[in-house]
């Protein structure tokens, strides 16, 4: 047994009578006086398993109880060794950012391959090889197959078998689950998180018409089988608001169920089409959003106090659909806007080819111009000493309105700013969306401004007087970095090339002293 790695117990017995999804098998693990009662699952071929995820090192004892007659030892003791180098534990929310359990920063740079596990073996292998070379550390994929444009094929195996022609959630298809696990473990080896989509509406097979009771049996099996994997995230749905056969209240019940049954606290969210999920819901750990309004990242961070991921903001591609024909620069601009505010963004690619194997749906080979440049973004941000936090806007209306009540302070506020502060909510938000500066910082160690599609010849910055800074100009498309000033502080004027896609990055010259938050 080792910290942050899945520990598995295996037993044998005759196949269960009744449900094969929900069985009477539990193991109590005790470490440092704390107990966790873990529910086991049936894995087929008369094999039963219990999986445990140790979150600390030390002596661990375990004791199994079951209503099934099992062969093998039913109790034991293990020494849980400290985590190996490079094993950081699950990703967890930390305010508006993410961290692994050991405190290591996690910068979510994801991609989407919805029907990855439902393709033929050769295509899956090709996709996995592509992911090995790609800059992504999270992938969104579905448990159930998807029926949509460029993806109508029937998979070889489904999550469940049929009884009398109807899907039977009490009869898992063990070959399907074995293959899903294989891919999850391969992605774990690559350092990639699996954002597992549990439901979606693009369905010709009937999975989106499950009753609430069937859904809960299915979710129970998912948690029993997969929750001990450290690289799992729960995405309750892709476009939950299009699930026409599900009642609104079900989602809250599913969230409560996952939160209660998953004893390790994996990340959990719900992805929208039109209407945002209730991200204030207490079990929801982060905002998973379909929207291209990255300029509103600070508003969402402030409203929910949770990490904000634009998991679907359009795709680099050439399809007739508006969502599927962004230029590479458009998608890259979305990425930099989100990340420059301390948010996150997820990649997608819908470039047509004669085989009609599109990355966003089936995987295959990445052919767009974005992945390499997203890798460059990741390298720039991961070298920083901490997470980026957005600056409060110069148009902080609450602060301005308060200041304007003082006649002396009001005199020092330009009349244009006073007029903006008095706007109604809707025009004020429209103004902010068009005029907000994309500006963030890591304490006083780093200041970053992204200019987007603006093309100035210089940028004025005011840096703290007590430090000395070097200033870089970064071209996000050409992937170049040039130090243009060094040893500066206070009011500085940064020369710029007068083109779009430019980042100004000021870094304190003192050597990095680790994460400024620690």
Protein backbone atom coordinates (compact mmCIF):
# COMPACT_ATOMS: atom_id res chain seq x y z
CA UNK A 1 0.00 0.00 0.00
CA UNK A 2 1.26 3.47 -0.85
CA UNK A 3 -0.09 6.96 -0.24
CA UNK A 4 -2.04 8.45 -3.19
CA UNK A 5 -2.20 5.10 -5.00
CA UNK A 6 -5.16 2.74 -5.34
CA UNK A 7 -5.05 -0.28 -3.03
CA UNK A 8 -7.17 -3.26 -4.05
CA UNK A 9 -8.48 -6.33 -2.21
CA UNK A 10 -9.79 -9.22 -4.28
CA UNK A 11 -12.09 -12.05 -3.16
CA UNK A 12 -13.81 -14.95 -4.87
CA UNK A 13 -17.26 -16.43 -4.44
CA UNK A 14 -20.21 -17.56 -6.49
CA UNK A 15 -21.91 -14.89 -8.57
CA UNK A 16 -24.36 -12.73 -6.57
CA UNK A 17 -28.05 -13.44 -6.70
CA UNK A 18 -30.06 -10.36 -7.58
CA UNK A 19 -28.26 -7.10 -8.35
CA UNK A 20 -24.66 -7.35 -9.54
CA UNK A 21 -24.26 -3.57 -9.14
CA UNK A 22 -25.15 -3.13 -5.47
CA UNK A 23 -23.83 -5.97 -3.31
CA UNK A 24 -23.33 -6.59 0.39
CA UNK A 25 -19.56 -6.18 0.68
CA UNK A 26 -17.79 -3.63 2.89
CA UNK A 27 -14.28 -3.18 4.19
CA UNK A 28 -13.41 -0.88 7.07
CA UNK A 29 -9.96 0.69 6.74
CA UNK A 30 -8.47 2.26 9.88
CA UNK A 31 -5.53 4.64 9.89
CA UNK A 32 -4.50 6.89 12.80
CA UNK A 33 -7.75 6.00 14.56
CA UNK A 34 -9.88 7.25 11.63
CA UNK A 35 -12.14 4.74 9.92
CA UNK A 36 -13.44 4.62 6.36
CA UNK A 37 -16.05 2.03 5.43
CA UNK A 38 -15.57 1.28 1.72
CA UNK A 39 -18.21 -0.51 -0.32
CA UNK A 40 -17.04 -3.23 -2.67
CA UNK A 41 -18.26 -4.26 -6.12
CA UNK A 42 -18.70 -7.33 -8.25
CA UNK A 43 -16.18 -7.44 -11.12
CA UNK A 44 -17.49 -10.52 -12.95
CA UNK A 45 -16.20 -14.10 -13.17
CA UNK A 46 -17.03 -14.65 -9.46
CA UNK A 47 -14.49 -11.95 -8.46
CA UNK A 48 -15.32 -9.29 -5.86
CA UNK A 49 -13.16 -6.25 -5.19
CA UNK A 50 -12.79 -3.46 -2.66
CA UNK A 51 -10.68 -0.45 -3.61
CA UNK A 52 -9.20 1.98 -1.13
CA UNK A 53 -7.40 5.26 -1.70
CA UNK A 54 -4.97 6.05 1.16
CA UNK A 55 -4.59 9.80 1.59
CA UNK A 56 -1.80 9.61 4.17
CA UNK A 57 1.02 7.24 5.06
CA UNK A 58 1.25 5.08 8.17
CA UNK A 59 -0.09 1.85 9.59
CA UNK A 60 -3.41 0.75 8.12
CA UNK A 61 -5.60 -2.13 9.26
CA UNK A 62 -8.61 -3.46 7.38
CA UNK A 63 -11.54 -5.74 8.14
CA UNK A 64 -14.08 -7.06 5.63
CA UNK A 65 -17.71 -7.95 6.27
CA UNK A 66 -20.10 -9.39 3.73
CA UNK A 67 -23.36 -11.19 3.28
CA UNK A 68 -21.57 -13.23 0.62
CA UNK A 69 -19.39 -16.24 1.43
CA UNK A 70 -15.92 -15.14 0.34
CA UNK A 71 -12.61 -16.97 -0.03
CA UNK A 72 -9.42 -15.28 1.12
CA UNK A 73 -8.40 -13.36 4.24
CA UNK A 74 -11.06 -10.99 5.56
CA UNK A 75 -8.76 -8.81 7.63
CA UNK A 76 -5.20 -7.64 7.53
CA UNK A 77 -2.63 -4.94 8.21
CA UNK A 78 -0.59 -2.87 5.79
CA UNK A 79 2.17 -0.31 6.10
CA UNK A 80 1.16 2.56 3.86
CA UNK A 81 4.40 3.98 2.47
CA UNK A 82 4.84 7.69 1.66
CA UNK A 83 3.95 8.80 -1.85
CA UNK A 84 6.52 8.37 -4.59
CA UNK A 85 8.03 11.47 -6.18
CA UNK A 86 5.60 12.84 -8.76
CA UNK A 87 2.52 11.42 -7.04
CA UNK A 88 0.69 14.43 -5.65
CA UNK A 89 -2.75 13.04 -4.87
CA UNK A 90 -6.17 14.11 -6.03
CA UNK A 91 -6.84 17.57 -7.40
CA UNK A 92 -8.93 19.70 -5.05
CA UNK A 93 -10.39 23.19 -5.15
CA UNK A 94 -8.49 25.84 -3.20
CA UNK A 95 -10.48 29.07 -3.37
CA UNK A 96 -10.64 30.04 -7.05
CA UNK A 97 -7.72 27.75 -7.90
CA UNK A 98 -6.77 24.05 -7.82
CA UNK A 99 -4.16 22.17 -5.82
CA UNK A 100 -3.19 18.55 -5.38
CA UNK A 101 -3.55 17.05 -1.93
CA UNK A 102 0.14 17.59 -1.18
CA UNK A 103 -0.19 21.32 -1.96
CA UNK A 104 1.26 21.20 -5.48
CA UNK A 105 -0.36 23.68 -7.87
CA UNK A 106 -2.56 22.24 -10.60
CA UNK A 107 -3.12 24.32 -13.73
CA UNK A 108 -6.09 22.75 -15.52
CA UNK A 109 -5.26 22.67 -19.25
CA UNK A 110 -7.87 20.31 -20.65
CA UNK A 111 -9.25 18.92 -23.87
CA UNK A 112 -12.47 17.16 -24.90
CA UNK A 113 -12.80 13.74 -26.57
CA UNK A 114 -16.40 12.84 -25.74
CA UNK A 115 -16.69 9.34 -27.20
CA UNK A 116 -13.07 8.24 -26.77
CA UNK A 117 -13.79 4.93 -25.03
CA UNK A 118 -16.53 3.93 -27.50
CA UNK A 119 -14.28 3.67 -30.53
CA UNK A 120 -12.49 0.68 -32.01
CA UNK A 121 -9.26 -0.31 -30.28
CA UNK A 122 -6.93 1.03 -33.01
CA UNK A 123 -8.47 4.50 -32.89
CA UNK A 124 -8.35 4.57 -29.08
CA UNK A 125 -4.67 3.62 -29.17
CA UNK A 126 -3.99 6.37 -31.71
CA UNK A 127 -5.77 8.89 -29.48
CA UNK A 128 -3.80 7.82 -26.41
CA UNK A 129 -0.56 8.28 -28.35
CA UNK A 130 -1.70 11.76 -29.36
CA UNK A 131 -2.45 12.62 -25.74
CA UNK A 132 1.02 11.50 -24.69
CA UNK A 133 2.50 14.21 -26.94
CA UNK A 134 -0.12 16.88 -26.25
CA UNK A 135 0.04 19.61 -23.55
CA UNK A 136 -3.23 18.61 -21.90
CA UNK A 137 -3.53 17.42 -18.29
CA UNK A 138 -7.31 16.85 -18.26
CA UNK A 139 -9.63 15.11 -20.71
CA UNK A 140 -13.44 15.22 -20.76
CA UNK A 141 -15.03 11.93 -21.82
CA UNK A 142 -18.39 10.17 -21.53
CA UNK A 143 -19.36 6.91 -19.85
CA UNK A 144 -22.25 6.42 -22.28
CA UNK A 145 -21.85 6.46 -26.08
CA UNK A 146 -22.80 9.57 -28.01
CA UNK A 147 -25.10 9.94 -31.00
CA UNK A 148 -24.37 13.24 -32.74
CA UNK A 149 -22.81 14.67 -35.90
CA UNK A 150 -19.75 12.70 -37.02
CA UNK A 151 -20.40 10.15 -34.28
CA UNK A 152 -23.22 7.69 -34.83
CA UNK A 153 -21.37 4.40 -34.45
CA UNK A 154 -22.48 1.68 -32.04
CA UNK A 155 -19.71 0.70 -29.61
CA UNK A 156 -18.62 -2.89 -29.07
CA UNK A 157 -19.67 -2.86 -25.41
CA UNK A 158 -22.03 -0.80 -23.28
CA UNK A 159 -22.00 -0.05 -19.56
CA UNK A 160 -24.83 -2.53 -18.89
CA UNK A 161 -26.33 -5.69 -20.31
CA UNK A 162 -29.94 -6.03 -21.39
CA UNK A 163 -32.69 -8.07 -19.76
CA UNK A 164 -35.74 -8.73 -21.94
CA UNK A 165 -34.50 -6.10 -24.42
CA UNK A 166 -34.09 -3.33 -21.80
CA UNK A 167 -30.94 -1.98 -20.22
CA UNK A 168 -30.51 -3.57 -16.82
CA UNK A 169 -28.53 -1.42 -14.37
CA UNK A 170 -28.27 -4.44 -12.05
CA UNK A 171 -26.15 -6.21 -14.69
CA UNK A 172 -22.95 -4.26 -15.47
CA UNK A 173 -21.06 -5.25 -18.60
CA UNK A 174 -17.74 -6.11 -17.02
CA UNK A 175 -15.76 -6.00 -20.27
CA UNK A 176 -16.88 -2.38 -20.71
CA UNK A 177 -15.85 -1.38 -17.20
CA UNK A 178 -12.54 -3.23 -17.48
CA UNK A 179 -11.71 -1.32 -20.67
CA UNK A 180 -12.77 2.00 -19.17
CA UNK A 181 -10.52 1.37 -16.17
CA UNK A 182 -7.62 0.48 -18.44
CA UNK A 183 -7.85 3.88 -20.14
CA UNK A 184 -8.26 5.76 -16.86
CA UNK A 185 -5.09 4.12 -15.53
CA UNK A 186 -3.19 4.86 -18.75
CA UNK A 187 -4.22 8.51 -18.51
CA UNK A 188 -3.13 8.53 -14.87
CA UNK A 189 0.31 7.35 -15.96
CA UNK A 190 0.42 10.33 -18.35
CA UNK A 191 -0.49 12.74 -15.56
CA UNK A 192 -3.93 13.40 -17.06
CA UNK A 193 -7.09 13.95 -15.01
CA UNK A 194 -10.28 12.24 -16.28
CA UNK A 195 -13.32 14.53 -16.16
CA UNK A 196 -15.84 11.70 -16.38
CA UNK A 197 -19.20 12.74 -17.85
CA UNK A 198 -21.87 10.61 -16.20
CA UNK A 199 -24.91 11.61 -18.31
CA UNK A 200 -25.61 13.42 -21.58
CA UNK A 201 -28.61 13.97 -23.88
CA UNK A 202 -27.12 12.82 -27.23
CA UNK A 203 -28.51 9.34 -27.00
CA UNK A 204 -30.28 6.87 -29.32
CA UNK A 205 -29.84 3.90 -27.00
CA UNK A 206 -31.99 4.88 -24.01
CA UNK A 207 -29.45 5.76 -21.28
CA UNK A 208 -30.82 9.32 -21.06
CA UNK A 209 -34.27 7.87 -20.24
CA UNK A 210 -33.25 6.03 -17.10
CA UNK A 211 -35.57 6.43 -14.12
CA UNK A 212 -34.18 8.17 -11.07
CA UNK A 213 -33.85 4.81 -9.33
CA UNK A 214 -31.88 3.37 -12.25
CA UNK A 215 -29.63 6.43 -12.25
CA UNK A 216 -28.84 5.96 -8.56
CA UNK A 217 -27.98 2.28 -9.02
CA UNK A 218 -25.67 3.23 -11.89
CA UNK A 219 -24.03 6.02 -9.88
CA UNK A 220 -23.58 3.64 -6.97
CA UNK A 221 -21.66 1.21 -9.16
CA UNK A 222 -19.54 4.01 -10.65
CA UNK A 223 -18.51 5.24 -7.20
CA UNK A 224 -17.82 1.75 -5.80
CA UNK A 225 -15.66 0.91 -8.77
CA UNK A 226 -13.88 4.14 -9.70
CA UNK A 227 -13.71 6.49 -6.70
CA UNK A 228 -10.40 5.05 -5.47
CA UNK A 229 -8.68 6.34 -8.64
CA UNK A 230 -7.01 9.67 -7.80
CA UNK A 231 -7.35 11.19 -11.30
CA UNK A 232 -11.18 11.07 -11.47
CA UNK A 233 -13.47 14.11 -11.54
CA UNK A 234 -17.27 13.76 -11.55
CA UNK A 235 -19.06 15.74 -14.24
CA UNK A 236 -22.72 15.00 -13.60
CA UNK A 237 -23.61 15.78 -17.19
CA UNK A 238 -22.62 17.35 -20.44
CA UNK A 239 -25.38 19.90 -21.11
CA UNK A 240 -27.51 18.84 -18.16
CA UNK A 241 -30.25 21.32 -19.12
CA UNK A 242 -30.98 19.36 -22.33
CA UNK A 243 -31.74 16.15 -20.42
CA UNK A 244 -35.49 16.35 -21.06
CA UNK A 245 -36.39 13.13 -19.21
CA UNK A 246 -34.67 14.17 -15.97
CA UNK A 247 -36.42 16.29 -13.38
CA UNK A 248 -34.54 19.35 -12.13
CA UNK A 249 -34.55 18.03 -8.56
CA UNK A 250 -32.75 14.87 -9.63
CA UNK A 251 -29.51 16.76 -10.15
CA UNK A 252 -29.44 17.89 -6.54
CA UNK A 253 -30.12 14.32 -5.41
CA UNK A 254 -27.33 13.03 -7.66
CA UNK A 255 -24.96 15.64 -6.26
CA UNK A 256 -25.83 14.68 -2.67
CA UNK A 257 -25.48 10.99 -3.53
CA UNK A 258 -22.03 11.40 -5.11
CA UNK A 259 -20.87 13.59 -2.25
CA UNK A 260 -22.05 11.05 0.34
CA UNK A 261 -20.92 7.87 -1.39
CA UNK A 262 -17.53 9.15 -2.58
CA UNK A 263 -15.61 9.21 0.69
CA UNK A 264 -12.55 10.86 -0.87
CA UNK A 265 -14.13 14.09 -2.11
CA UNK A 266 -13.34 14.10 -5.81
CA UNK A 267 -14.08 17.28 -7.74
CA UNK A 268 -17.71 17.54 -8.86
CA UNK A 269 -19.57 19.88 -11.20
CA UNK A 270 -22.31 20.01 -13.84
CA UNK A 271 -21.93 21.37 -17.37
CA UNK A 272 -24.60 23.45 -19.11
CA UNK A 273 -25.83 24.19 -22.58
CA UNK A 274 -27.88 27.35 -21.99
CA UNK A 275 -28.56 27.73 -18.28
CA UNK A 276 -25.71 27.54 -15.80
CA UNK A 277 -25.89 24.87 -13.13
CA UNK A 278 -26.34 26.19 -9.60
CA UNK A 279 -22.64 26.53 -8.82
CA UNK A 280 -23.47 27.75 -5.32
CA UNK A 281 -24.75 24.24 -4.56
CA UNK A 282 -22.52 23.12 -1.64
CA UNK A 283 -21.29 19.84 -3.16
CA UNK A 284 -20.23 21.55 -6.39
CA UNK A 285 -16.50 22.21 -6.23
CA UNK A 286 -15.97 24.30 -9.38
CA UNK A 287 -17.77 26.02 -12.24
CA UNK A 288 -17.84 23.94 -15.45
CA UNK A 289 -19.18 26.31 -18.08
CA UNK A 290 -20.25 26.33 -21.72
CA UNK A 291 -19.85 29.96 -22.73
CA UNK A 292 -17.33 32.14 -24.55
CA UNK A 293 -17.55 35.08 -22.11
CA UNK A 294 -14.12 34.66 -20.56
CA UNK A 295 -14.07 38.40 -19.90
CA UNK A 296 -16.56 37.69 -17.09
CA UNK A 297 -14.17 35.34 -15.28
CA UNK A 298 -13.62 37.73 -12.35
CA UNK A 299 -17.40 38.18 -11.92
CA UNK A 300 -17.92 34.41 -11.71
CA UNK A 301 -14.98 33.97 -9.34
CA UNK A 302 -16.37 36.68 -7.09
CA UNK A 303 -19.94 35.33 -7.21
CA UNK A 304 -19.12 31.70 -6.44
CA UNK A 305 -15.68 31.79 -4.81
CA UNK A 306 -14.74 28.65 -6.77
CA UNK A 307 -12.47 27.79 -9.71
CA UNK A 308 -13.97 28.74 -13.08
CA UNK A 309 -13.35 26.46 -16.08
CA UNK A 310 -14.73 27.29 -19.51
CA UNK A 311 -15.02 23.64 -20.47
CA UNK A 312 -16.71 24.47 -23.76
CA UNK A 313 -16.10 27.84 -25.39
CA UNK A 314 -16.12 26.72 -29.04
CA UNK A 315 -13.70 24.63 -31.07
CA UNK A 316 -10.88 25.24 -33.49
CA UNK A 317 -12.34 23.89 -36.70
CA UNK A 318 -14.13 24.38 -40.00
CA UNK A 319 -17.61 22.97 -39.51
CA UNK A 320 -20.68 24.98 -40.58
CA UNK A 321 -21.81 25.17 -36.92
CA UNK A 322 -20.81 28.44 -35.24
CA UNK A 323 -19.40 26.55 -32.23
CA UNK A 324 -17.23 24.40 -34.50
CA UNK A 325 -15.42 26.90 -36.69
CA UNK A 326 -13.30 29.12 -34.47
CA UNK A 327 -9.95 30.15 -35.88
CA UNK A 328 -6.95 28.90 -33.99
CA UNK A 329 -6.28 32.43 -32.77
CA UNK A 330 -9.87 32.77 -31.51
CA UNK A 331 -9.51 29.69 -29.32
CA UNK A 332 -6.04 30.70 -28.17
CA UNK A 333 -7.39 34.16 -27.27
CA UNK A 334 -10.12 32.47 -25.20
CA UNK A 335 -7.44 30.49 -23.36
CA UNK A 336 -5.25 33.47 -22.55
CA UNK A 337 -8.21 35.60 -21.46
CA UNK A 338 -9.41 32.93 -19.01
CA UNK A 339 -5.96 32.06 -17.65
CA UNK A 340 -4.84 35.69 -17.40
CA UNK A 341 -7.72 36.22 -14.96
CA UNK A 342 -6.75 33.15 -12.91
CA UNK A 343 -9.43 31.03 -14.58
CA UNK A 344 -9.13 27.97 -16.81
CA UNK A 345 -10.14 26.89 -20.30
CA UNK A 346 -10.62 23.59 -22.16
CA UNK A 347 -9.50 22.89 -25.72
CA UNK A 348 -11.55 21.31 -28.48
CA UNK A 349 -10.89 20.59 -32.15
CA UNK A 350 -13.46 20.05 -34.94
CA UNK A 351 -11.35 20.02 -38.08
CA UNK A 352 -13.08 17.99 -40.80
CA UNK A 353 -11.21 15.24 -42.61
CA UNK A 354 -12.31 12.69 -45.19
CA UNK A 355 -12.47 9.91 -42.59
CA UNK A 356 -14.73 12.14 -40.44
CA UNK A 357 -12.75 11.28 -37.32
CA UNK A 358 -12.91 14.57 -35.43
CA UNK A 359 -10.90 15.02 -32.25
CA UNK A 360 -13.75 16.53 -30.18
CA UNK A 361 -15.88 13.46 -30.79
CA UNK A 362 -13.72 10.41 -31.46
CA UNK A 363 -10.10 11.45 -31.01
CA UNK A 364 -7.41 10.33 -33.42
CA UNK A 365 -4.71 12.84 -34.34
CA UNK A 366 -4.55 16.52 -33.40
CA UNK A 367 -4.18 18.59 -36.56
CA UNK A 368 -4.93 22.12 -35.35
CA UNK A 369 -2.60 25.01 -34.64
CA UNK A 370 -3.73 25.53 -31.05
CA UNK A 371 -2.26 22.61 -29.08
CA UNK A 372 1.37 23.67 -29.51
CA UNK A 373 0.51 27.24 -28.50
CA UNK A 374 -1.53 26.04 -25.54
CA UNK A 375 1.57 24.13 -24.48
CA UNK A 376 3.49 27.40 -24.65
CA UNK A 377 0.86 29.08 -22.45
CA UNK A 378 1.16 26.26 -19.94
CA UNK A 379 4.95 26.57 -19.84
CA UNK A 380 4.76 30.33 -19.23
CA UNK A 381 2.24 30.03 -16.40
CA UNK A 382 3.69 26.97 -14.70
CA UNK A 383 7.03 28.72 -14.19
CA UNK A 384 5.34 31.44 -12.12
CA UNK A 385 5.72 31.22 -8.34
CA UNK A 386 1.98 30.98 -7.69
CA UNK A 387 -1.53 31.24 -9.06
CA UNK A 388 -2.73 34.37 -10.82
CA UNK A 389 -5.44 36.40 -9.12
CA UNK A 390 -7.39 39.05 -11.03
CA UNK A 391 -7.06 42.66 -10.01
CA UNK A 392 -10.14 44.45 -8.79
CA UNK A 393 -11.39 46.48 -11.72
CA UNK A 394 -10.72 50.18 -11.93
CA UNK A 395 -14.52 50.31 -12.30
CA UNK A 396 -15.28 48.75 -8.93
CA UNK A 397 -18.73 50.25 -8.71
CA UNK A 398 -19.32 49.63 -5.01
CA UNK A 399 -16.04 51.33 -4.10
CA UNK A 400 -16.70 54.24 -6.47
CA UNK A 401 -20.24 54.85 -5.29
CA UNK A 402 -19.03 54.85 -1.69
CA UNK A 403 -16.24 57.29 -2.53
CA UNK A 404 -18.62 59.57 -4.43
CA UNK A 405 -20.59 60.20 -1.23
CA UNK A 406 -17.58 62.11 0.06
CA UNK A 407 -17.45 65.47 -1.80
CA UNK A 408 -13.66 65.69 -1.51
CA UNK A 409 -13.13 62.19 -2.90
CA UNK A 410 -15.75 62.72 -5.60
CA UNK A 411 -13.80 65.70 -6.96
CA UNK A 412 -10.85 63.42 -7.66
CA UNK A 413 -12.93 60.94 -9.68
CA UNK A 414 -13.24 61.89 -13.40
CA UNK A 415 -16.80 62.67 -14.46
CA UNK A 416 -16.73 59.82 -17.01
CA UNK A 417 -16.01 57.32 -14.24
CA UNK A 418 -18.75 58.84 -12.07
CA UNK A 419 -21.22 58.42 -14.94
CA UNK A 420 -20.20 54.79 -15.45
CA UNK A 421 -20.61 54.04 -11.73
CA UNK A 422 -24.21 55.32 -11.85
CA UNK A 423 -25.23 53.02 -14.72
CA UNK A 424 -27.98 50.44 -14.28
CA UNK A 425 -26.79 46.86 -13.92
CA UNK A 426 -27.30 45.71 -17.51
CA UNK A 427 -25.54 48.59 -19.31
CA UNK A 428 -22.81 48.55 -16.67
CA UNK A 429 -22.14 44.86 -17.37
CA UNK A 430 -22.08 45.54 -21.12
CA UNK A 431 -19.57 48.32 -20.51
CA UNK A 432 -17.41 46.04 -18.36
CA UNK A 433 -17.44 43.29 -20.98
CA UNK A 434 -16.10 45.72 -23.54
CA UNK A 435 -13.63 47.66 -21.41
CA UNK A 436 -12.29 45.42 -18.65
CA UNK A 437 -8.53 45.18 -18.47
CA UNK A 438 -7.23 41.60 -18.50
CA UNK A 439 -4.82 42.08 -15.64
CA UNK A 440 -3.67 39.80 -12.79
CA UNK A 441 -0.87 39.23 -10.32
CA UNK A 442 0.88 36.78 -7.99
CA UNK A 443 1.10 38.96 -4.91
CA UNK A 444 3.78 41.53 -5.72
CA UNK A 445 6.03 38.96 -7.41
CA UNK A 446 4.36 38.95 -10.83
CA UNK A 447 2.10 41.26 -12.81
CA UNK A 448 0.54 40.03 -16.04
CA UNK A 449 -1.53 41.92 -18.56
CA UNK A 450 -2.99 40.35 -21.69
CA UNK A 451 -3.92 42.78 -24.45
CA UNK A 452 -6.06 40.37 -26.52
CA UNK A 453 -6.95 41.83 -29.88
CA UNK A 454 -5.77 45.33 -28.97
CA UNK A 455 -2.60 46.51 -30.72
CA UNK A 456 -0.90 49.29 -28.71
CA UNK A 457 2.66 50.44 -29.30
CA UNK A 458 3.31 50.78 -25.59
CA UNK A 459 1.80 49.84 -22.25
CA UNK A 460 2.03 51.90 -19.09
CA UNK A 461 2.36 50.01 -15.81
CA UNK A 462 2.84 51.04 -12.19
CA UNK A 463 5.01 48.53 -10.33
CA UNK A 464 5.79 48.55 -6.59
CA UNK A 465 8.72 50.80 -5.68
CA UNK A 466 10.11 48.35 -3.12
CA UNK A 467 11.06 45.73 -5.73
CA UNK A 468 13.00 45.66 -8.97
CA UNK A 469 11.39 43.98 -11.99
CA UNK A 470 12.21 42.62 -15.39
CA UNK A 471 9.49 43.02 -18.03
CA UNK A 472 8.86 40.62 -20.89
CA UNK A 473 6.75 41.03 -24.01
CA UNK A 474 5.25 37.67 -25.00
CA UNK A 475 3.74 36.92 -28.41
CA UNK A 476 1.17 34.18 -27.86
CA UNK A 477 0.99 33.20 -31.56
CA UNK A 478 4.66 33.28 -32.49
CA UNK A 479 5.49 31.82 -29.05
CA UNK A 480 8.29 34.28 -28.44
CA UNK A 481 9.45 35.98 -25.24
CA UNK A 482 11.57 39.12 -25.21
CA UNK A 483 12.83 40.95 -22.13
CA UNK A 484 12.38 44.63 -22.96
CA UNK A 485 13.07 46.23 -19.56
CA UNK A 486 15.09 45.18 -16.55
CA UNK A 487 15.72 46.65 -13.12
CA UNK A 488 12.59 48.83 -13.23
CA UNK A 489 9.93 49.82 -10.70
CA UNK A 490 7.27 52.48 -10.23
CA UNK A 491 5.74 54.00 -13.37
CA UNK A 492 7.19 52.30 -16.45
CA UNK A 493 6.40 52.44 -20.16
CA UNK A 494 6.70 49.08 -21.90
CA UNK A 495 7.44 49.15 -25.67
CA UNK A 496 5.15 46.81 -27.62
CA UNK A 497 4.97 45.61 -31.25
CA UNK A 498 1.52 47.03 -32.10
CA UNK A 499 -0.07 43.68 -32.91
CA UNK A 500 -2.72 41.46 -31.33
CA UNK A 501 -2.01 38.58 -28.98
CA UNK A 502 0.57 40.25 -26.74
CA UNK A 503 1.19 39.61 -23.03
CA UNK A 504 3.21 41.92 -20.78
CA UNK A 505 4.78 40.02 -17.89
CA UNK A 506 6.63 41.80 -15.08
CA UNK A 507 8.57 39.57 -12.69
CA UNK A 508 10.43 40.58 -9.55
CA UNK A 509 14.17 40.13 -10.01
CA UNK A 510 14.76 38.53 -6.62
CA UNK A 511 15.03 34.76 -6.94
CA UNK A 512 11.75 32.88 -6.62
CA UNK A 513 11.08 31.80 -3.07
CA UNK A 514 8.35 29.28 -3.82
CA UNK A 515 4.63 29.85 -3.94
CA UNK A 516 3.85 33.31 -2.59
CA UNK A 517 0.68 31.93 -0.94
CA UNK A 518 2.64 29.60 1.37
